[in-house]
Amino acid sequence: MSERIRVCIVSRKEEAPLLSRQAWLRGGAADVETRDFDSLSDVVGRFRGGPDLVVVHAPDVEVPQRLGELRALSDSVPVAVWSPEPTVRGAVNALRSGAIDYLSPTPTPSEIEELLRRARAHRLAGAKEEAGTDDPFQDLIGDSPVMRRLRREIDAVARHDATVLLQGETGTGKERVARLIHRLSARAPKPFVICNCSAVVASLAESELFGHEKGAFTGARKAKAGLFEAARGGTLFLDQVQELAIGLQPKLLRVLENREFTRLGSTRMQKADVRIIAAANRDLRDEVRDKRFREDLFYRLNTALLTIPPLRERREDLPLLVEHFLAYFSRHFAKPARVISREAMAWIMSHPWEGNVRELRNTVERAVAVSRRRVISKQELRVPGAARPAAAPTGELAPAELISLDELERRQIRRVLEMTGGNRERAAKALGLSRSTLYRRLSELGF
């Protein structure tokens, strides 16, 4: 019998989940606890060593904020969203915010069992990582010259406390590098907190970063700590920093220069005891030239610059990456170890990978999920085949039309959703995907 896991269900008292605690116990969870939103700070510490899974029961509109608060407490505990009124957009936003699954109001026993299986696999993977190699660079896969140079640069900047700027295309692994710098630094025992600057509403950005006092603005019914306080002693990762509101940039500059800040509505100065690591998927010098980013803030962030190479500049690393993702997703989907065919690997080596490592990871995950045999073929990588013989008004390919794999997949998912009347479970089944994988693809493809 599989070892049981510990689940913490976070719910408002007036909106208690409809599914009984017994359903979770039958699914294999132990020590199920329900907590109200005001006690989020107790969630991770409720169990010795932390829970194995946190389930947030909340309306879609509140999910990104709740997940952000939980991630500020712990970035290692998997979180699922349990929606009282599920929508496709809610599912997309939840998965973009880091949830591992999105449950309907009355999830089936098999859905609960699948979620618990994934949480159990997450725990086992964490235990293996703790007991495994001492190599801090084990997750930075690749042995190409550019990756060896990047490892040396990471090791060098991690040893001091200077601000770091990471530049690289979307999907190159900037967050992974930021986490590695934090883990190798003296601040490793303290929090690693993420702020996705592109996801922060401009009108609330100052409150998000610096916090606010009760009554500081309309709707501020109670005081709230900002991300600088949540990251105290640790690292604050400003992802997609080029999207930071232009009006907030001088305030961030003052904090970086003076190492002090105040909450909105307060006059009490607080120490900003954090290390800043910023990341951008566009060259900030171009942003400065186009007057979208302050030059003085750019120079302050650019104390130590690391450039994350795109996958096309390290093609010799592709076999290592594919092998790693095959092993990982074979375990994740509880399947016998998969291997790649020569034809499929040849296609992988020739593909442009404009989405970089993230695109490669998603492609391998999808192939492992749908594969029925040990050897994964080129067709299971969803490689576009021959052109269709005729065009159709539904948006199918015209004979001479050349489109990307993502666009082909986007059209197919849209057609299947239309055919199933928007029923996501039926659409996922028809596409040969799990429901959570379908939600993730909806998010990645921009639905």
Protein backbone atom coordinates (compact mmCIF):
# COMPACT_ATOMS: atom_id res chain seq x y z
CA MET A 1 0.00 0.00 0.00
CA SER A 2 1.32 3.45 -0.91
CA GLU A 3 2.40 5.69 1.91
CA ARG A 4 -0.28 8.21 2.75
CA ILE A 5 0.27 11.89 2.33
CA ARG A 6 -0.64 14.98 4.30
CA VAL A 7 -3.10 17.42 2.74
CA CYS A 8 -3.98 20.92 3.91
CA ILE A 9 -7.23 22.31 2.43
CA VAL A 10 -7.35 26.11 2.62
CA SER A 11 -10.90 27.46 2.52
CA ARG A 12 -12.98 30.33 3.77
CA LYS A 13 -15.15 29.32 6.69
CA GLU A 14 -18.31 30.46 4.93
CA GLU A 15 -17.37 28.56 1.77
CA ALA A 16 -16.47 25.13 3.14
CA PRO A 17 -15.69 22.60 0.39
CA LEU A 18 -18.65 20.46 -0.62
CA LEU A 19 -16.63 17.27 -0.85
CA SER A 20 -16.23 15.61 2.53
CA ARG A 21 -12.97 15.04 4.31
CA GLN A 22 -13.64 11.32 4.08
CA ALA A 23 -13.27 11.41 0.29
CA TRP A 24 -9.70 12.62 0.65
CA LEU A 25 -8.97 9.97 3.26
CA ARG A 26 -10.31 7.26 0.96
CA GLY A 27 -8.11 8.63 -1.80
CA GLY A 28 -5.00 8.06 0.30
CA ALA A 29 -4.48 11.30 2.22
CA ALA A 30 -3.84 11.44 5.94
CA ASP A 31 -3.95 14.35 8.40
CA VAL A 32 -6.37 16.35 6.24
CA GLU A 33 -6.80 19.83 7.70
CA THR A 34 -8.95 22.77 6.63
CA ARG A 35 -7.71 26.29 7.27
CA ASP A 36 -9.22 29.69 6.70
CA PHE A 37 -7.50 32.26 4.43
CA ASP A 38 -6.51 34.46 7.36
CA SER A 39 -4.23 31.71 8.64
CA LEU A 40 -2.14 31.16 5.50
CA SER A 41 1.01 31.70 7.54
CA ASP A 42 0.13 28.55 9.50
CA VAL A 43 -0.35 26.35 6.44
CA VAL A 44 3.21 25.25 5.77
CA GLY A 45 4.08 24.92 9.45
CA ARG A 46 0.90 23.03 10.37
CA PHE A 47 2.57 19.65 9.90
CA ARG A 48 6.02 18.65 10.97
CA GLY A 49 8.13 19.10 7.87
CA GLY A 50 5.23 20.80 6.07
CA PRO A 51 2.24 19.31 4.22
CA ASP A 52 2.71 17.23 1.08
CA LEU A 53 -0.08 19.07 -0.75
CA VAL A 54 -1.99 22.31 -0.27
CA VAL A 55 -5.43 22.57 -1.87
CA VAL A 56 -6.80 26.11 -2.18
CA HIS A 57 -10.61 26.27 -2.36
CA ALA A 58 -11.32 29.75 -3.75
CA PRO A 59 -13.12 31.66 -6.51
CA ASP A 60 -11.04 32.03 -9.68
CA VAL A 61 -10.59 35.76 -9.17
CA GLU A 62 -8.76 35.21 -5.86
CA VAL A 63 -6.52 32.35 -6.96
CA PRO A 64 -3.42 34.25 -8.26
CA GLN A 65 -3.17 36.28 -5.04
CA ARG A 66 -3.65 33.22 -2.81
CA LEU A 67 -1.06 31.21 -4.71
CA GLY A 68 1.34 34.14 -4.53
CA GLU A 69 0.92 34.29 -0.75
CA LEU A 70 1.53 30.56 -0.43
CA ARG A 71 4.58 30.70 -2.68
CA ALA A 72 6.00 33.45 -0.46
CA LEU A 73 5.76 30.97 2.43
CA SER A 74 7.14 27.98 0.55
CA ASP A 75 8.08 27.43 -3.08
CA SER A 76 8.48 23.66 -2.65
CA VAL A 77 5.02 22.45 -1.57
CA PRO A 78 2.76 21.55 -4.53
CA VAL A 79 -0.51 23.49 -4.67
CA ALA A 80 -3.78 22.54 -6.39
CA VAL A 81 -6.79 24.81 -6.93
CA TRP A 82 -10.30 23.63 -6.08
CA SER A 83 -12.74 25.96 -7.84
CA PRO A 84 -16.37 26.36 -6.73
CA GLU A 85 -17.28 27.69 -10.23
CA PRO A 86 -14.66 26.44 -12.71
CA THR A 87 -13.92 28.18 -16.02
CA VAL A 88 -11.31 27.62 -18.73
CA ARG A 89 -9.82 31.05 -18.01
CA GLY A 90 -9.67 30.22 -14.31
CA ALA A 91 -7.84 26.99 -15.07
CA VAL A 92 -5.36 28.79 -17.32
CA ASN A 93 -4.65 31.47 -14.71
CA ALA A 94 -4.27 28.89 -11.94
CA LEU A 95 -1.73 26.87 -13.89
CA ARG A 96 0.12 30.03 -14.95
CA SER A 97 0.34 30.91 -11.25
CA GLY A 98 2.02 27.62 -10.45
CA ALA A 99 -0.82 25.24 -9.51
CA ILE A 100 -0.26 21.58 -10.39
CA ASP A 101 -3.97 20.89 -10.95
CA TYR A 102 -7.37 22.57 -11.14
CA LEU A 103 -10.27 20.66 -9.58
CA SER A 104 -13.97 21.01 -10.33
CA PRO A 105 -16.53 21.53 -7.50
CA THR A 106 -17.11 17.77 -7.20
CA PRO A 107 -13.93 15.99 -8.30
CA THR A 108 -14.28 12.30 -8.92
CA PRO A 109 -12.45 9.74 -6.74
CA SER A 110 -10.13 8.97 -9.66
CA GLU A 111 -9.23 12.66 -9.98
CA ILE A 112 -8.43 12.83 -6.28
CA GLU A 113 -6.35 9.66 -6.50
CA GLU A 114 -4.44 11.07 -9.48
CA LEU A 115 -3.74 14.34 -7.65
CA LEU A 116 -2.55 12.47 -4.56
CA ARG A 117 -0.36 10.24 -6.73
CA ARG A 118 1.31 13.30 -8.21
CA ALA A 119 1.81 14.83 -4.75
CA ARG A 120 3.31 11.55 -3.55
CA ALA A 121 5.66 11.49 -6.57
CA HIS A 122 6.66 15.08 -5.81
CA ARG A 123 7.54 14.10 -2.24
CA LEU A 124 9.57 11.08 -3.37
CA ALA A 125 11.43 13.19 -5.92
CA GLY A 126 12.26 15.71 -3.20
CA ALA A 127 13.52 12.95 -0.91
CA LYS A 128 15.71 11.56 -3.69
CA GLU A 129 17.11 15.00 -4.39
CA GLU A 130 18.00 15.51 -0.71
CA ALA A 131 19.61 12.06 -0.51
CA GLY A 132 21.25 12.25 -3.93
CA THR A 133 24.29 13.93 -5.32
CA ASP A 134 25.84 16.96 -3.66
CA ASP A 135 26.40 18.61 -7.04
CA PRO A 136 24.49 21.92 -6.84
CA PHE A 137 24.48 22.17 -10.64
CA GLN A 138 22.73 18.84 -11.22
CA ASP A 139 19.56 20.53 -12.53
CA LEU A 140 21.47 22.79 -14.94
CA ILE A 141 21.72 20.20 -17.68
CA GLY A 142 24.28 20.51 -20.46
CA ASP A 143 27.99 20.13 -21.10
CA SER A 144 28.44 22.54 -23.99
CA PRO A 145 31.09 25.30 -23.74
CA VAL A 146 28.44 27.99 -23.15
CA MET A 147 26.90 25.97 -20.29
CA ARG A 148 30.28 25.32 -18.68
CA ARG A 149 30.96 29.06 -18.83
CA LEU A 150 27.52 29.81 -17.35
CA ARG A 151 28.23 27.47 -14.41
CA ARG A 152 31.48 29.30 -13.68
CA GLU A 153 29.69 32.66 -13.80
CA ILE A 154 26.91 31.44 -11.48
CA ASP A 155 29.45 30.12 -9.00
CA ALA A 156 31.27 33.46 -9.03
CA VAL A 157 28.25 35.76 -8.55
CA ALA A 158 26.67 33.52 -5.90
CA ARG A 159 29.60 34.12 -3.56
CA HIS A 160 28.89 37.83 -3.13
CA ASP A 161 25.69 39.76 -2.50
CA ALA A 162 25.58 41.97 -5.58
CA THR A 163 22.43 42.50 -7.62
CA VAL A 164 22.27 40.16 -10.61
CA LEU A 165 20.60 40.70 -14.00
CA LEU A 166 19.73 37.62 -16.05
CA GLN A 167 19.03 38.12 -19.74
CA GLY A 168 17.77 35.40 -22.03
CA GLU A 169 14.95 34.45 -24.35
CA THR A 170 11.69 33.03 -23.08
CA GLY A 171 12.09 29.43 -22.00
CA THR A 172 15.86 29.42 -21.46
CA GLY A 173 15.61 28.77 -17.70
CA LYS A 174 16.20 32.15 -16.04
CA GLU A 175 14.18 31.23 -12.94
CA ARG A 176 16.15 28.00 -12.56
CA VAL A 177 19.42 29.98 -12.69
CA ALA A 178 18.07 32.49 -10.15
CA ARG A 179 17.14 29.68 -7.75
CA LEU A 180 20.60 28.15 -8.17
CA ILE A 181 22.31 31.47 -7.36
CA HIS A 182 20.16 31.73 -4.22
CA ARG A 183 20.90 28.13 -3.20
CA LEU A 184 24.66 28.67 -3.57
CA SER A 185 24.64 31.95 -1.64
CA ALA A 186 24.85 32.69 2.07
CA ARG A 187 21.14 33.58 1.91
CA ALA A 188 20.13 30.00 1.01
CA PRO A 189 18.38 29.24 4.36
CA LYS A 190 16.10 32.26 3.88
CA PRO A 191 13.14 32.65 1.45
CA PHE A 192 13.35 32.78 -2.33
CA VAL A 193 10.38 34.94 -3.38
CA ILE A 194 9.21 35.50 -6.96
CA CYS A 195 7.55 38.61 -8.39
CA ASN A 196 6.35 38.24 -11.98
CA CYS A 197 6.35 41.90 -13.00
CA SER A 198 4.20 41.23 -16.07
CA ALA A 199 1.42 39.75 -13.91
CA VAL A 200 1.24 42.55 -11.33
CA VAL A 201 -1.58 45.05 -11.89
CA ALA A 202 0.05 48.47 -12.31
CA SER A 203 -2.23 50.16 -9.75
CA LEU A 204 -1.33 47.56 -7.12
CA ALA A 205 2.35 47.09 -7.96
CA GLU A 206 3.68 49.35 -5.19
CA SER A 207 1.56 47.58 -2.58
CA GLU A 208 2.65 44.19 -3.95
CA LEU A 209 6.31 45.04 -3.55
CA PHE A 210 6.34 47.19 -0.42
CA GLY A 211 3.07 46.32 1.34
CA HIS A 212 0.46 48.68 2.75
CA GLU A 213 -1.21 49.72 5.99
CA LYS A 214 -4.91 49.44 6.72
CA GLY A 215 -6.81 52.26 5.00
CA ALA A 216 -3.88 53.19 2.74
CA PHE A 217 -6.23 53.09 -0.26
CA THR A 218 -9.78 52.09 -1.10
CA GLY A 219 -10.18 48.41 -0.38
CA ALA A 220 -7.20 48.16 2.01
CA ARG A 221 -9.24 46.66 4.83
CA LYS A 222 -6.18 45.37 6.68
CA ALA A 223 -2.43 45.80 6.65
CA LYS A 224 -0.44 43.58 4.32
CA ALA A 225 3.25 42.79 4.07
CA GLY A 226 4.84 43.17 0.65
CA LEU A 227 7.32 40.95 -1.17
CA PHE A 228 10.32 42.80 0.24
CA GLU A 229 9.19 41.78 3.73
CA ALA A 230 8.33 38.23 2.63
CA ALA A 231 11.86 37.84 1.24
CA ARG A 232 13.62 39.35 4.25
CA GLY A 233 17.07 37.82 4.63
CA GLY A 234 16.69 35.96 1.32
CA THR A 235 16.33 36.69 -2.38
CA LEU A 236 13.65 38.56 -4.32
CA PHE A 237 13.46 37.46 -7.96
CA LEU A 238 11.97 40.12 -10.26
CA ASP A 239 10.97 38.14 -13.33
CA GLN A 240 10.24 39.99 -16.59
CA VAL A 241 11.52 43.17 -14.96
CA GLN A 242 11.21 45.02 -18.28
CA GLU A 243 7.43 45.03 -17.65
CA LEU A 244 7.73 46.92 -14.37
CA ALA A 245 5.49 50.01 -14.44
CA ILE A 246 7.52 53.09 -15.39
CA GLY A 247 6.10 55.01 -12.41
CA LEU A 248 7.35 52.36 -9.98
CA GLN A 249 10.87 52.17 -11.39
CA PRO A 250 12.26 55.22 -9.48
CA LYS A 251 10.86 53.81 -6.22
CA LEU A 252 12.61 50.49 -6.81
CA LEU A 253 15.79 52.42 -7.66
CA ARG A 254 15.65 54.25 -4.31
CA VAL A 255 15.27 50.96 -2.46
CA LEU A 256 18.27 49.48 -4.28
CA GLU A 257 20.37 52.55 -3.48
CA ASN A 258 19.30 53.16 0.13
CA ARG A 259 18.27 49.62 1.15
CA GLU A 260 15.18 51.05 2.84
CA PHE A 261 11.45 51.19 2.05
CA THR A 262 8.11 52.09 3.60
CA ARG A 263 4.72 50.47 3.29
CA LEU A 264 2.01 52.45 1.53
CA GLY A 265 0.27 54.61 4.14
CA SER A 266 3.16 54.36 6.61
CA THR A 267 6.05 56.63 7.56
CA ARG A 268 8.05 53.91 9.32
CA MET A 269 11.21 53.06 7.43
CA GLN A 270 12.13 49.38 7.10
CA LYS A 271 15.42 47.78 6.10
CA ALA A 272 15.37 46.04 2.71
CA ASP A 273 17.50 43.06 3.70
CA VAL A 274 17.12 41.19 0.41
CA ARG A 275 19.23 40.32 -2.58
CA ILE A 276 17.70 41.29 -5.91
CA ILE A 277 17.96 39.04 -8.94
CA ALA A 278 16.18 40.47 -11.98
CA ALA A 279 15.42 38.74 -15.27
CA ALA A 280 14.43 40.06 -18.69
CA ASN A 281 13.57 38.30 -21.94
CA ARG A 282 14.40 41.42 -23.94
CA ASP A 283 17.63 43.41 -24.01
CA LEU A 284 17.16 46.15 -21.39
CA ARG A 285 19.50 48.43 -23.33
CA ASP A 286 16.93 48.46 -26.11
CA GLU A 287 14.22 49.22 -23.55
CA VAL A 288 16.30 52.13 -22.22
CA ARG A 289 16.84 53.46 -25.74
CA ASP A 290 13.09 53.33 -26.42
CA LYS A 291 12.33 55.16 -23.13
CA ARG A 292 10.46 52.18 -21.63
CA PHE A 293 13.03 51.55 -18.92
CA ARG A 294 15.02 53.97 -16.79
CA GLU A 295 18.72 54.10 -17.59
CA ASP A 296 19.77 54.60 -13.95
CA LEU A 297 17.74 51.58 -12.84
CA PHE A 298 19.28 49.50 -15.64
CA TYR A 299 22.80 50.31 -14.43
CA ARG A 300 21.82 49.54 -10.84
CA LEU A 301 20.42 46.14 -11.83
CA ASN A 302 23.33 45.44 -14.17
CA THR A 303 25.92 45.04 -11.39
CA ALA A 304 26.46 41.42 -12.48
CA LEU A 305 25.08 40.39 -15.89
CA LEU A 306 24.55 36.76 -16.87
CA THR A 307 23.28 35.83 -20.32
CA ILE A 308 21.37 32.54 -20.53
CA PRO A 309 22.11 30.95 -23.92
CA PRO A 310 19.24 29.91 -26.22
CA LEU A 311 18.96 26.24 -27.11
CA ARG A 312 20.08 26.84 -30.71
CA GLU A 313 23.51 27.91 -29.37
CA ARG A 314 24.00 24.63 -27.48
CA ARG A 315 22.54 21.95 -29.70
CA GLU A 316 25.08 19.45 -28.41
CA ASP A 317 23.12 19.50 -25.13
CA LEU A 318 19.88 18.31 -26.77
CA PRO A 319 20.47 14.56 -26.22
CA LEU A 320 21.23 15.13 -22.53
CA LEU A 321 18.10 17.23 -22.09
CA VAL A 322 15.90 14.74 -23.93
CA GLU A 323 17.25 11.87 -21.82
CA HIS A 324 16.57 13.83 -18.64
CA PHE A 325 12.99 14.76 -19.62
CA LEU A 326 12.21 11.22 -20.79
CA ALA A 327 13.29 9.78 -17.44
CA TYR A 328 11.45 12.46 -15.47
CA PHE A 329 8.12 12.19 -17.30
CA SER A 330 8.24 8.41 -17.44
CA ARG A 331 8.29 8.48 -13.63
CA HIS A 332 5.74 11.29 -13.51
CA PHE A 333 3.20 9.36 -15.59
CA ALA A 334 4.07 6.06 -13.88
CA LYS A 335 5.13 4.48 -17.19
CA PRO A 336 8.05 2.20 -18.05
CA ALA A 337 11.12 4.19 -19.05
CA ARG A 338 10.72 5.67 -22.53
CA VAL A 339 13.47 6.04 -25.14
CA ILE A 340 13.54 8.12 -28.29
CA SER A 341 13.72 6.67 -31.81
CA ARG A 342 16.54 7.68 -34.18
CA GLU A 343 14.06 9.39 -36.50
CA ALA A 344 12.56 11.36 -33.62
CA MET A 345 15.99 12.40 -32.32
CA ALA A 346 17.01 13.49 -35.81
CA TRP A 347 13.95 15.76 -35.91
CA ILE A 348 14.73 17.10 -32.44
CA MET A 349 18.28 17.96 -33.52
CA SER A 350 17.01 19.86 -36.59
CA HIS A 351 14.05 21.66 -34.97
CA PRO A 352 14.62 25.41 -34.29
CA TRP A 353 13.27 25.31 -30.67
CA GLU A 354 12.21 28.94 -30.62
CA GLY A 355 10.62 28.27 -27.22
CA ASN A 356 13.97 26.89 -25.99
CA VAL A 357 14.17 24.40 -23.11
CA ARG A 358 10.54 25.03 -22.11
CA GLU A 359 9.33 24.06 -25.58
CA LEU A 360 11.51 20.95 -25.58
CA ARG A 361 10.26 19.95 -22.13
CA ASN A 362 6.61 20.40 -23.16
CA THR A 363 7.17 18.40 -26.35
CA VAL A 364 8.74 15.47 -24.50
CA GLU A 365 6.08 15.58 -21.79
CA ARG A 366 3.31 15.42 -24.38
CA ALA A 367 5.05 12.56 -26.22
CA VAL A 368 5.50 10.50 -23.04
CA ALA A 369 1.90 11.17 -21.99
CA VAL A 370 0.42 9.85 -25.25
CA SER A 371 2.93 7.09 -25.97
CA ARG A 372 1.81 3.47 -25.72
CA ARG A 373 5.12 1.89 -26.60
CA ARG A 374 8.57 2.07 -25.06
CA VAL A 375 10.13 3.75 -28.11
CA ILE A 376 8.78 7.22 -28.84
CA SER A 377 8.33 7.88 -32.54
CA LYS A 378 8.56 11.06 -34.55
CA GLN A 379 4.77 11.05 -34.92
CA GLU A 380 4.32 11.08 -31.13
CA LEU A 381 6.30 14.30 -30.97
CA ARG A 382 3.36 15.84 -32.89
CA VAL A 383 5.48 16.68 -35.91
CA PRO A 384 3.32 18.27 -38.65
CA GLY A 385 2.73 15.75 -41.44
CA ALA A 386 1.87 16.25 -45.08
CA ALA A 387 -0.38 19.14 -46.03
CA ARG A 388 -4.09 18.51 -46.13
CA PRO A 389 -5.54 18.00 -49.60
CA ALA A 390 -8.14 20.73 -49.29
CA ALA A 391 -8.87 23.80 -47.25
CA ALA A 392 -11.90 24.14 -45.05
CA PRO A 393 -13.66 27.16 -43.57
CA THR A 394 -12.99 25.80 -40.05
CA GLY A 395 -9.37 26.95 -40.19
CA GLU A 396 -7.75 23.71 -41.33
CA LEU A 397 -4.51 23.87 -43.28
CA ALA A 398 -4.50 24.90 -46.89
CA PRO A 399 -2.23 22.76 -49.12
CA ALA A 400 0.53 25.35 -49.35
CA GLU A 401 0.14 26.77 -45.84
CA LEU A 402 3.15 26.40 -43.54
CA ILE A 403 2.53 26.89 -39.86
CA SER A 404 4.32 26.11 -36.61
CA LEU A 405 3.69 23.05 -34.48
CA ASP A 406 2.16 25.25 -31.78
CA GLU A 407 -0.27 26.81 -34.28
CA LEU A 408 -1.25 23.37 -35.55
CA GLU A 409 -1.89 22.22 -32.01
CA ARG A 410 -3.80 25.42 -31.19
CA ARG A 411 -6.15 24.85 -34.12
CA GLN A 412 -6.69 21.21 -33.24
CA ILE A 413 -7.48 21.97 -29.59
CA ARG A 414 -9.89 24.74 -30.65
CA ARG A 415 -11.68 22.35 -33.06
CA VAL A 416 -11.99 19.61 -30.43
CA LEU A 417 -13.32 22.06 -27.84
CA GLU A 418 -15.91 23.26 -30.34
CA MET A 419 -16.89 19.66 -31.17
CA THR A 420 -17.31 18.82 -27.46
CA GLY A 421 -19.25 21.99 -26.67
CA GLY A 422 -16.42 23.28 -24.48
CA ASN A 423 -16.41 20.17 -22.28
CA ARG A 424 -12.78 20.01 -21.15
CA GLU A 425 -12.88 16.45 -19.86
CA ARG A 426 -14.24 15.12 -23.16
CA ALA A 427 -11.79 17.29 -25.11
CA ALA A 428 -8.83 16.01 -23.09
CA LYS A 429 -9.93 12.41 -23.66
CA ALA A 430 -10.36 12.98 -27.40
CA LEU A 431 -6.91 14.56 -27.62
CA GLY A 432 -5.27 11.76 -25.63
CA LEU A 433 -4.21 14.13 -22.85
CA SER A 434 -4.80 14.30 -19.12
CA ARG A 435 -7.04 17.16 -18.04
CA SER A 436 -4.20 18.97 -16.26
CA THR A 437 -2.00 18.67 -19.38
CA LEU A 438 -4.81 20.14 -21.50
CA TYR A 439 -5.14 23.08 -19.09
CA ARG A 440 -1.39 23.63 -19.23
CA ARG A 441 -1.41 23.63 -23.03
CA LEU A 442 -4.35 26.05 -23.07
CA SER A 443 -2.25 28.38 -20.93
CA GLU A 444 0.91 27.98 -22.99
CA LEU A 445 -0.90 28.44 -26.31
CA GLY A 446 -2.64 31.62 -25.16
CA PHE A 447 -6.30 30.51 -25.00
